[in-house]
């Protein structure tokens, strides 16, 4: 990940890094995604941002996640949502 993309997607708030990215859907509406990375280290934040970008298509589709640094067991799990 380059420095320019770090400045664009990674934000430091209250001494911790957050990942934030915006995009437009097929109707032209602005959507955004934000998650705390729970770290004060830029190198760890870059690794976690890479994990998010690796699953970016699923994030845009609206699939819920528990990322590797979150949750009880520190593993990524996919939560299924039904649209009935």
PDB file of N, CA and C in Angstrom:
ATOM      1  N   UNK A   1       0.846  -1.167   0.000  1.00  0.00           N
ATOM      2  CA  UNK A   1       0.000   0.000   0.000  1.00  0.00           C
ATOM      3  C   UNK A   1       0.895   1.234   0.000  1.00  0.00           C
ATOM      4  N   UNK A   2       0.587   2.175  -0.854  1.00  0.00           N
ATOM      5  CA  UNK A   2       1.420   3.358  -0.965  1.00  0.00           C
ATOM      6  C   UNK A   2       1.011   4.413   0.053  1.00  0.00           C
ATOM      7  N   UNK A   3       1.883   5.373   0.216  1.00  0.00           N
ATOM      8  CA  UNK A   3       1.633   6.426   1.195  1.00  0.00           C
ATOM      9  C   UNK A   3       0.383   7.225   0.849  1.00  0.00           C
ATOM     10  N   UNK A   4       0.177   7.485  -0.451  1.00  0.00           N
ATOM     11  CA  UNK A   4      -0.982   8.272  -0.858  1.00  0.00           C
ATOM     12  C   UNK A   4      -2.286   7.570  -0.493  1.00  0.00           C
ATOM     13  N   UNK A   5      -2.344   6.254  -0.689  1.00  0.00           N
ATOM     14  CA  UNK A   5      -3.543   5.514  -0.323  1.00  0.00           C
ATOM     15  C   UNK A   5      -3.705   5.462   1.197  1.00  0.00           C
ATOM     16  N   UNK A   6      -2.595   5.425   1.931  1.00  0.00           N
ATOM     17  CA  UNK A   6      -2.682   5.484   3.393  1.00  0.00           C
ATOM     18  C   UNK A   6      -3.368   6.771   3.821  1.00  0.00           C
ATOM     19  N   UNK A   7      -2.979   7.870   3.218  1.00  0.00           N
ATOM     20  CA  UNK A   7      -3.573   9.157   3.571  1.00  0.00           C
ATOM     21  C   UNK A   7      -5.038   9.203   3.202  1.00  0.00           C
ATOM     22  N   UNK A   8      -5.406   8.488   2.141  1.00  0.00           N
ATOM     23  CA  UNK A   8      -6.784   8.536   1.677  1.00  0.00           C
ATOM     24  C   UNK A   8      -7.706   7.657   2.521  1.00  0.00           C
ATOM     25  N   UNK A   9      -7.265   6.464   2.910  1.00  0.00           N
ATOM     26  CA  UNK A   9      -8.134   5.498   3.587  1.00  0.00           C
ATOM     27  C   UNK A   9      -7.914   5.398   5.095  1.00  0.00           C
ATOM     28  N   UNK A  10      -6.721   5.676   5.573  1.00  0.00           N
ATOM     29  CA  UNK A  10      -6.425   5.542   7.001  1.00  0.00           C
ATOM     30  C   UNK A  10      -6.482   6.904   7.678  1.00  0.00           C
ATOM     31  N   UNK A  11      -7.204   6.967   8.758  1.00  0.00           N
ATOM     32  CA  UNK A  11      -7.309   8.189   9.554  1.00  0.00           C
ATOM     33  C   UNK A  11      -6.915   7.861  10.988  1.00  0.00           C
ATOM     34  N   UNK A  12      -6.256   8.797  11.629  1.00  0.00           N
ATOM     35  CA  UNK A  12      -5.884   8.605  13.030  1.00  0.00           C
ATOM     36  C   UNK A  12      -6.767   9.503  13.884  1.00  0.00           C
ATOM     37  N   UNK A  13      -7.539   8.863  14.756  1.00  0.00           N
ATOM     38  CA  UNK A  13      -8.427   9.589  15.657  1.00  0.00           C
ATOM     39  C   UNK A  13      -8.247   9.051  17.065  1.00  0.00           C
ATOM     40  N   UNK A  14      -8.061   9.948  18.001  1.00  0.00           N
ATOM     41  CA  UNK A  14      -7.897   9.585  19.413  1.00  0.00           C
ATOM     42  C   UNK A  14      -6.807   8.537  19.596  1.00  0.00           C
ATOM     43  N   UNK A  15      -5.705   8.696  18.867  1.00  0.00           N
ATOM     44  CA  UNK A  15      -4.512   7.856  18.981  1.00  0.00           C
ATOM     45  C   UNK A  15      -4.706   6.447  18.429  1.00  0.00           C
ATOM     46  N   UNK A  16      -5.762   6.171  17.683  1.00  0.00           N
ATOM     47  CA  UNK A  16      -5.980   4.884  17.023  1.00  0.00           C
ATOM     48  C   UNK A  16      -6.318   5.129  15.566  1.00  0.00           C
ATOM     49  N   UNK A  17      -6.009   4.138  14.730  1.00  0.00           N
ATOM     50  CA  UNK A  17      -6.272   4.265  13.302  1.00  0.00           C
ATOM     51  C   UNK A  17      -7.653   3.733  12.948  1.00  0.00           C
ATOM     52  N   UNK A  18      -8.300   4.422  12.009  1.00  0.00           N
ATOM     53  CA  UNK A  18      -9.580   4.009  11.450  1.00  0.00           C
ATOM     54  C   UNK A  18      -9.415   3.847   9.948  1.00  0.00           C
ATOM     55  N   UNK A  19     -10.173   2.937   9.373  1.00  0.00           N
ATOM     56  CA  UNK A  19     -10.228   2.767   7.922  1.00  0.00           C
ATOM     57  C   UNK A  19     -11.555   3.331   7.452  1.00  0.00           C
ATOM     58  N   UNK A  20     -11.507   4.186   6.440  1.00  0.00           N
ATOM     59  CA  UNK A  20     -12.727   4.779   5.914  1.00  0.00           C
ATOM     60  C   UNK A  20     -12.614   4.870   4.400  1.00  0.00           C
ATOM     61  N   UNK A  21     -13.654   4.415   3.712  1.00  0.00           N
ATOM     62  CA  UNK A  21     -13.665   4.467   2.255  1.00  0.00           C
ATOM     63  C   UNK A  21     -15.086   4.733   1.788  1.00  0.00           C
ATOM     64  N   UNK A  22     -15.219   5.535   0.731  1.00  0.00           N
ATOM     65  CA  UNK A  22     -16.523   5.872   0.159  1.00  0.00           C
ATOM     66  C   UNK A  22     -16.560   5.450  -1.300  1.00  0.00           C
ATOM     67  N   UNK A  23     -17.763   5.151  -1.793  1.00  0.00           N
ATOM     68  CA  UNK A  23     -17.956   4.787  -3.192  1.00  0.00           C
ATOM     69  C   UNK A  23     -19.383   5.130  -3.582  1.00  0.00           C
ATOM     70  N   UNK A  24     -19.656   5.067  -4.862  1.00  0.00           N
ATOM     71  CA  UNK A  24     -21.009   5.325  -5.360  1.00  0.00           C
ATOM     72  C   UNK A  24     -21.603   4.021  -5.867  1.00  0.00           C
ATOM     73  N   UNK A  25     -22.873   3.779  -5.521  1.00  0.00           N
ATOM     74  CA  UNK A  25     -23.542   2.572  -5.988  1.00  0.00           C
ATOM     75  C   UNK A  25     -24.062   2.786  -7.408  1.00  0.00           C
ATOM     76  N   UNK A  26     -24.772   1.790  -7.941  1.00  0.00           N
ATOM     77  CA  UNK A  26     -25.232   1.866  -9.331  1.00  0.00           C
ATOM     78  C   UNK A  26     -26.255   2.973  -9.569  1.00  0.00           C
ATOM     79  N   UNK A  27     -26.906   3.461  -8.525  1.00  0.00           N
ATOM     80  CA  UNK A  27     -27.856   4.572  -8.648  1.00  0.00           C
ATOM     81  C   UNK A  27     -27.195   5.934  -8.460  1.00  0.00           C
ATOM     82  N   UNK A  28     -25.918   5.944  -8.161  1.00  0.00           N
ATOM     83  CA  UNK A  28     -25.193   7.189  -7.962  1.00  0.00           C
ATOM     84  C   UNK A  28     -25.214   7.702  -6.542  1.00  0.00           C
ATOM     85  N   UNK A  29     -25.770   6.923  -5.613  1.00  0.00           N
ATOM     86  CA  UNK A  29     -25.802   7.333  -4.204  1.00  0.00           C
ATOM     87  C   UNK A  29     -24.452   7.074  -3.551  1.00  0.00           C
ATOM     88  N   UNK A  30     -24.024   7.996  -2.719  1.00  0.00           N
ATOM     89  CA  UNK A  30     -22.753   7.871  -2.031  1.00  0.00           C
ATOM     90  C   UNK A  30     -22.900   6.935  -0.841  1.00  0.00           C
ATOM     91  N   UNK A  31     -22.075   5.905  -0.792  1.00  0.00           N
ATOM     92  CA  UNK A  31     -22.037   4.949   0.314  1.00  0.00           C
ATOM     93  C   UNK A  31     -20.673   5.060   0.980  1.00  0.00           C
ATOM     94  N   UNK A  32     -20.610   4.735   2.251  1.00  0.00           N
ATOM     95  CA  UNK A  32     -19.324   4.774   2.942  1.00  0.00           C
ATOM     96  C   UNK A  32     -19.219   3.599   3.901  1.00  0.00           C
ATOM     97  N   UNK A  33     -17.979   3.230   4.200  1.00  0.00           N
ATOM     98  CA  UNK A  33     -17.676   2.142   5.115  1.00  0.00           C
ATOM     99  C   UNK A  33     -16.578   2.631   6.040  1.00  0.00           C
ATOM    100  N   UNK A  34     -16.754   2.411   7.326  1.00  0.00           N
ATOM    101  CA  UNK A  34     -15.778   2.840   8.308  1.00  0.00           C
ATOM    102  C   UNK A  34     -15.662   1.784   9.398  1.00  0.00           C
ATOM    103  N   UNK A  35     -14.430   1.484   9.804  1.00  0.00           N
ATOM    104  CA  UNK A  35     -14.197   0.523  10.878  1.00  0.00           C
ATOM    105  C   UNK A  35     -12.925   0.939  11.617  1.00  0.00           C
ATOM    106  N   UNK A  36     -12.919   0.759  12.929  1.00  0.00           N
ATOM    107  CA  UNK A  36     -11.721   1.053  13.703  1.00  0.00           C
ATOM    108  C   UNK A  36     -10.746  -0.108  13.578  1.00  0.00           C
ATOM    109  N   UNK A  37      -9.461   0.210  13.485  1.00  0.00           N
ATOM    110  CA  UNK A  37      -8.436  -0.817  13.338  1.00  0.00           C
ATOM    111  C   UNK A  37      -7.814  -1.200  14.678  1.00  0.00           C
ATOM    112  N   UNK A  38      -8.197  -0.544  15.747  1.00  0.00           N
ATOM    113  CA  UNK A  38      -7.764  -0.870  17.119  1.00  0.00           C
ATOM    114  C   UNK A  38      -6.253  -0.983  17.262  1.00  0.00           C
ATOM    115  N   UNK A  39      -5.521  -0.055  16.680  1.00  0.00           N
ATOM    116  CA  UNK A  39      -4.075  -0.061  16.817  1.00  0.00           C
ATOM    117  C   UNK A  39      -3.541   1.364  16.762  1.00  0.00           C
ATOM    118  N   UNK A  40      -2.391   1.565  17.370  1.00  0.00           N
ATOM    119  CA  UNK A  40      -1.707   2.845  17.287  1.00  0.00           C
ATOM    120  C   UNK A  40      -0.521   2.766  16.339  1.00  0.00           C
ATOM    121  N   UNK A  41      -0.227   1.581  15.815  1.00  0.00           N
ATOM    122  CA  UNK A  41       0.911   1.365  14.927  1.00  0.00           C
ATOM    123  C   UNK A  41       0.475   1.478  13.468  1.00  0.00           C
ATOM    124  N   UNK A  42       1.209   2.266  12.690  1.00  0.00           N
ATOM    125  CA  UNK A  42       0.883   2.438  11.281  1.00  0.00           C
ATOM    126  C   UNK A  42       1.113   1.149  10.494  1.00  0.00           C
ATOM    127  N   UNK A  43       2.148   0.379  10.826  1.00  0.00           N
ATOM    128  CA  UNK A  43       2.418  -0.858  10.083  1.00  0.00           C
ATOM    129  C   UNK A  43       1.315  -1.888  10.299  1.00  0.00           C
ATOM    130  N   UNK A  44       0.816  -2.008  11.514  1.00  0.00           N
ATOM    131  CA  UNK A  44      -0.294  -2.926  11.788  1.00  0.00           C
ATOM    132  C   UNK A  44      -1.560  -2.417  11.108  1.00  0.00           C
ATOM    133  N   UNK A  45      -1.755  -1.108  11.108  1.00  0.00           N
ATOM    134  CA  UNK A  45      -2.926  -0.524  10.444  1.00  0.00           C
ATOM    135  C   UNK A  45      -2.891  -0.807   8.950  1.00  0.00           C
ATOM    136  N   UNK A  46      -1.717  -0.760   8.335  1.00  0.00           N
ATOM    137  CA  UNK A  46      -1.600  -1.070   6.905  1.00  0.00           C
ATOM    138  C   UNK A  46      -1.952  -2.521   6.622  1.00  0.00           C
ATOM    139  N   UNK A  47      -1.528  -3.439   7.476  1.00  0.00           N
ATOM    140  CA  UNK A  47      -1.862  -4.858   7.289  1.00  0.00           C
ATOM    141  C   UNK A  47      -3.365  -5.081   7.411  1.00  0.00           C
ATOM    142  N   UNK A  48      -3.982  -4.448   8.386  1.00  0.00           N
ATOM    143  CA  UNK A  48      -5.422  -4.612   8.589  1.00  0.00           C
ATOM    144  C   UNK A  48      -6.214  -3.953   7.465  1.00  0.00           C
ATOM    145  N   UNK A  49      -5.724  -2.835   6.960  1.00  0.00           N
ATOM    146  CA  UNK A  49      -6.376  -2.201   5.813  1.00  0.00           C
ATOM    147  C   UNK A  49      -6.260  -3.092   4.581  1.00  0.00           C
ATOM    148  N   UNK A  50      -5.141  -3.795   4.433  1.00  0.00           N
ATOM    149  CA  UNK A  50      -4.986  -4.742   3.336  1.00  0.00           C
ATOM    150  C   UNK A  50      -5.974  -5.887   3.429  1.00  0.00           C
ATOM    151  N   UNK A  51      -6.257  -6.336   4.647  1.00  0.00           N
ATOM    152  CA  UNK A  51      -7.262  -7.384   4.845  1.00  0.00           C
ATOM    153  C   UNK A  51      -8.647  -6.891   4.427  1.00  0.00           C
ATOM    154  N   UNK A  52      -8.961  -5.658   4.757  1.00  0.00           N
ATOM    155  CA  UNK A  52     -10.255  -5.091   4.369  1.00  0.00           C
ATOM    156  C   UNK A  52     -10.342  -4.964   2.855  1.00  0.00           C
ATOM    157  N   UNK A  53      -9.285  -4.458   2.232  1.00  0.00           N
ATOM    158  CA  UNK A  53      -9.302  -4.283   0.783  1.00  0.00           C
ATOM    159  C   UNK A  53      -9.318  -5.618   0.051  1.00  0.00           C
ATOM    160  N   UNK A  54      -8.801  -6.673   0.666  1.00  0.00           N
ATOM    161  CA  UNK A  54      -8.853  -8.002   0.072  1.00  0.00           C
ATOM    162  C   UNK A  54     -10.265  -8.552  -0.002  1.00  0.00           C
ATOM    163  N   UNK A  55     -11.131  -8.104   0.860  1.00  0.00           N
ATOM    164  CA  UNK A  55     -12.537  -8.533   0.877  1.00  0.00           C
ATOM    165  C   UNK A  55     -13.467  -7.380   0.506  1.00  0.00           C
ATOM    166  N   UNK A  56     -12.970  -6.444  -0.261  1.00  0.00           N
ATOM    167  CA  UNK A  56     -13.714  -5.229  -0.536  1.00  0.00           C
ATOM    168  C   UNK A  56     -15.009  -5.480  -1.305  1.00  0.00           C
ATOM    169  N   UNK A  57     -15.008  -6.418  -2.247  1.00  0.00           N
ATOM    170  CA  UNK A  57     -16.233  -6.713  -2.999  1.00  0.00           C
ATOM    171  C   UNK A  57     -17.338  -7.213  -2.077  1.00  0.00           C
ATOM    172  N   UNK A  58     -16.970  -8.004  -1.085  1.00  0.00           N
ATOM    173  CA  UNK A  58     -17.954  -8.511  -0.129  1.00  0.00           C
ATOM    174  C   UNK A  58     -18.441  -7.398   0.796  1.00  0.00           C
ATOM    175  N   UNK A  59     -17.555  -6.491   1.147  1.00  0.00           N
ATOM    176  CA  UNK A  59     -17.952  -5.358   1.988  1.00  0.00           C
ATOM    177  C   UNK A  59     -18.943  -4.478   1.236  1.00  0.00           C
ATOM    178  N   UNK A  60     -18.677  -4.225  -0.038  1.00  0.00           N
ATOM    179  CA  UNK A  60     -19.587  -3.407  -0.844  1.00  0.00           C
ATOM    180  C   UNK A  60     -20.939  -4.085  -1.028  1.00  0.00           C
ATOM    181  N   UNK A  61     -20.955  -5.412  -1.043  1.00  0.00           N
ATOM    182  CA  UNK A  61     -22.212  -6.147  -1.192  1.00  0.00           C
ATOM    183  C   UNK A  61     -23.045  -6.107   0.085  1.00  0.00           C
ATOM    184  N   UNK A  62     -22.449  -5.712   1.200  1.00  0.00           N
ATOM    185  CA  UNK A  62     -23.195  -5.579   2.446  1.00  0.00           C
ATOM    186  C   UNK A  62     -23.063  -6.760   3.378  1.00  0.00           C
ATOM    187  N   UNK A  63     -22.112  -7.648   3.126  1.00  0.00           N
ATOM    188  CA  UNK A  63     -21.897  -8.790   4.002  1.00  0.00           C
ATOM    189  C   UNK A  63     -21.264  -8.310   5.304  1.00  0.00           C
ATOM    190  N   UNK A  64     -21.768  -8.776   6.438  1.00  0.00           N
ATOM    191  CA  UNK A  64     -21.223  -8.382   7.730  1.00  0.00           C
ATOM    192  C   UNK A  64     -20.027  -9.241   8.103  1.00  0.00           C
ATOM    193  N   UNK A  65     -19.035  -8.646   8.742  1.00  0.00           N
ATOM    194  CA  UNK A  65     -17.813  -9.353   9.100  1.00  0.00           C
ATOM    195  C   UNK A  65     -17.454  -9.119  10.554  1.00  0.00           C
ATOM    196  N   UNK A  66     -16.732 -10.060  11.106  1.00  0.00           N
ATOM    197  CA  UNK A  66     -15.905  -9.830  12.283  1.00  0.00           C
ATOM    198  C   UNK A  66     -14.484 -10.006  11.790  1.00  0.00           C
ATOM    199  N   UNK A  67     -13.712  -8.948  11.842  1.00  0.00           N
ATOM    200  CA  UNK A  67     -12.363  -8.988  11.303  1.00  0.00           C
ATOM    201  C   UNK A  67     -11.425  -9.717  12.256  1.00  0.00           C
ATOM    202  N   UNK A  68     -10.223 -10.006  11.789  1.00  0.00           N
ATOM    203  CA  UNK A  68      -9.283 -10.816  12.564  1.00  0.00           C
ATOM    204  C   UNK A  68      -8.894 -10.150  13.883  1.00  0.00           C
ATOM    205  N   UNK A  69      -8.917  -8.837  13.961  1.00  0.00           N
ATOM    206  CA  UNK A  69      -8.538  -8.143  15.188  1.00  0.00           C
ATOM    207  C   UNK A  69      -9.738  -7.883  16.091  1.00  0.00           C
ATOM    208  N   UNK A  70     -10.914  -8.265  15.657  1.00  0.00           N
ATOM    209  CA  UNK A  70     -12.114  -8.101  16.466  1.00  0.00           C
ATOM    210  C   UNK A  70     -12.626  -9.462  16.891  1.00  0.00           C
ATOM    211  N   UNK A  71     -13.542  -9.479  17.777  1.00  0.00           N
ATOM    212  CA  UNK A  71     -14.205 -10.717  18.148  1.00  0.00           C
ATOM    213  C   UNK A  71     -13.478 -11.492  19.225  1.00  0.00           C
ATOM    214  N   UNK A  72     -14.127 -12.552  19.651  1.00  0.00           N
ATOM    215  CA  UNK A  72     -13.641 -13.356  20.763  1.00  0.00           C
ATOM    216  C   UNK A  72     -12.468 -14.247  20.368  1.00  0.00           C
ATOM    217  N   UNK A  73     -12.503 -14.795  19.161  1.00  0.00           N
ATOM    218  CA  UNK A  73     -11.498 -15.769  18.755  1.00  0.00           C
ATOM    219  C   UNK A  73     -10.479 -15.206  17.776  1.00  0.00           C
ATOM    220  N   UNK A  74     -10.585 -13.928  17.425  1.00  0.00           N
ATOM    221  CA  UNK A  74      -9.656 -13.256  16.519  1.00  0.00           C
ATOM    222  C   UNK A  74      -9.539 -13.947  15.173  1.00  0.00           C
ATOM    223  N   UNK A  75     -10.654 -14.365  14.612  1.00  0.00           N
ATOM    224  CA  UNK A  75     -10.700 -14.936  13.267  1.00  0.00           C
ATOM    225  C   UNK A  75     -11.813 -14.259  12.491  1.00  0.00           C
ATOM    226  N   UNK A  76     -11.656 -14.207  11.179  1.00  0.00           N
ATOM    227  CA  UNK A  76     -12.677 -13.597  10.336  1.00  0.00           C
ATOM    228  C   UNK A  76     -13.811 -14.574  10.117  1.00  0.00           C
ATOM    229  N   UNK A  77     -15.024 -14.139  10.386  1.00  0.00           N
ATOM    230  CA  UNK A  77     -16.194 -14.968  10.138  1.00  0.00           C
ATOM    231  C   UNK A  77     -17.184 -14.179   9.297  1.00  0.00           C
ATOM    232  N   UNK A  78     -17.871 -14.883   8.420  1.00  0.00           N
ATOM    233  CA  UNK A  78     -18.883 -14.262   7.576  1.00  0.00           C
ATOM    234  C   UNK A  78     -20.235 -14.488   8.226  1.00  0.00           C
ATOM    235  N   UNK A  79     -20.996 -13.414   8.406  1.00  0.00           N
ATOM    236  CA  UNK A  79     -22.330 -13.522   8.974  1.00  0.00           C
ATOM    237  C   UNK A  79     -23.335 -13.495   7.830  1.00  0.00           C
ATOM    238  N   UNK A  80     -24.216 -14.472   7.788  1.00  0.00           N
ATOM    239  CA  UNK A  80     -25.178 -14.583   6.704  1.00  0.00           C
ATOM    240  C   UNK A  80     -26.406 -13.743   6.998  1.00  0.00           C
ATOM    241  N   UNK A  81     -26.875 -13.017   5.986  1.00  0.00           N
ATOM    242  CA  UNK A  81     -28.098 -12.226   6.107  1.00  0.00           C
ATOM    243  C   UNK A  81     -29.089 -12.719   5.070  1.00  0.00           C
ATOM    244  N   UNK A  82     -30.309 -12.878   5.485  1.00  0.00           N
ATOM    245  CA  UNK A  82     -31.361 -13.327   4.574  1.00  0.00           C
ATOM    246  C   UNK A  82     -32.256 -12.152   4.227  1.00  0.00           C
ATOM    247  N   UNK A  83     -32.657 -12.097   2.985  1.00  0.00           N
ATOM    248  CA  UNK A  83     -33.529 -11.024   2.522  1.00  0.00           C
ATOM    249  C   UNK A  83     -34.900 -11.589   2.201  1.00  0.00           C
ATOM    250  N   UNK A  84     -35.583 -12.076   3.220  1.00  0.00           N
ATOM    251  CA  UNK A  84     -36.920 -12.648   3.029  1.00  0.00           C
ATOM    252  C   UNK A  84     -37.988 -11.604   3.191  1.00  0.00           C
TER     253      UNK A  84
END
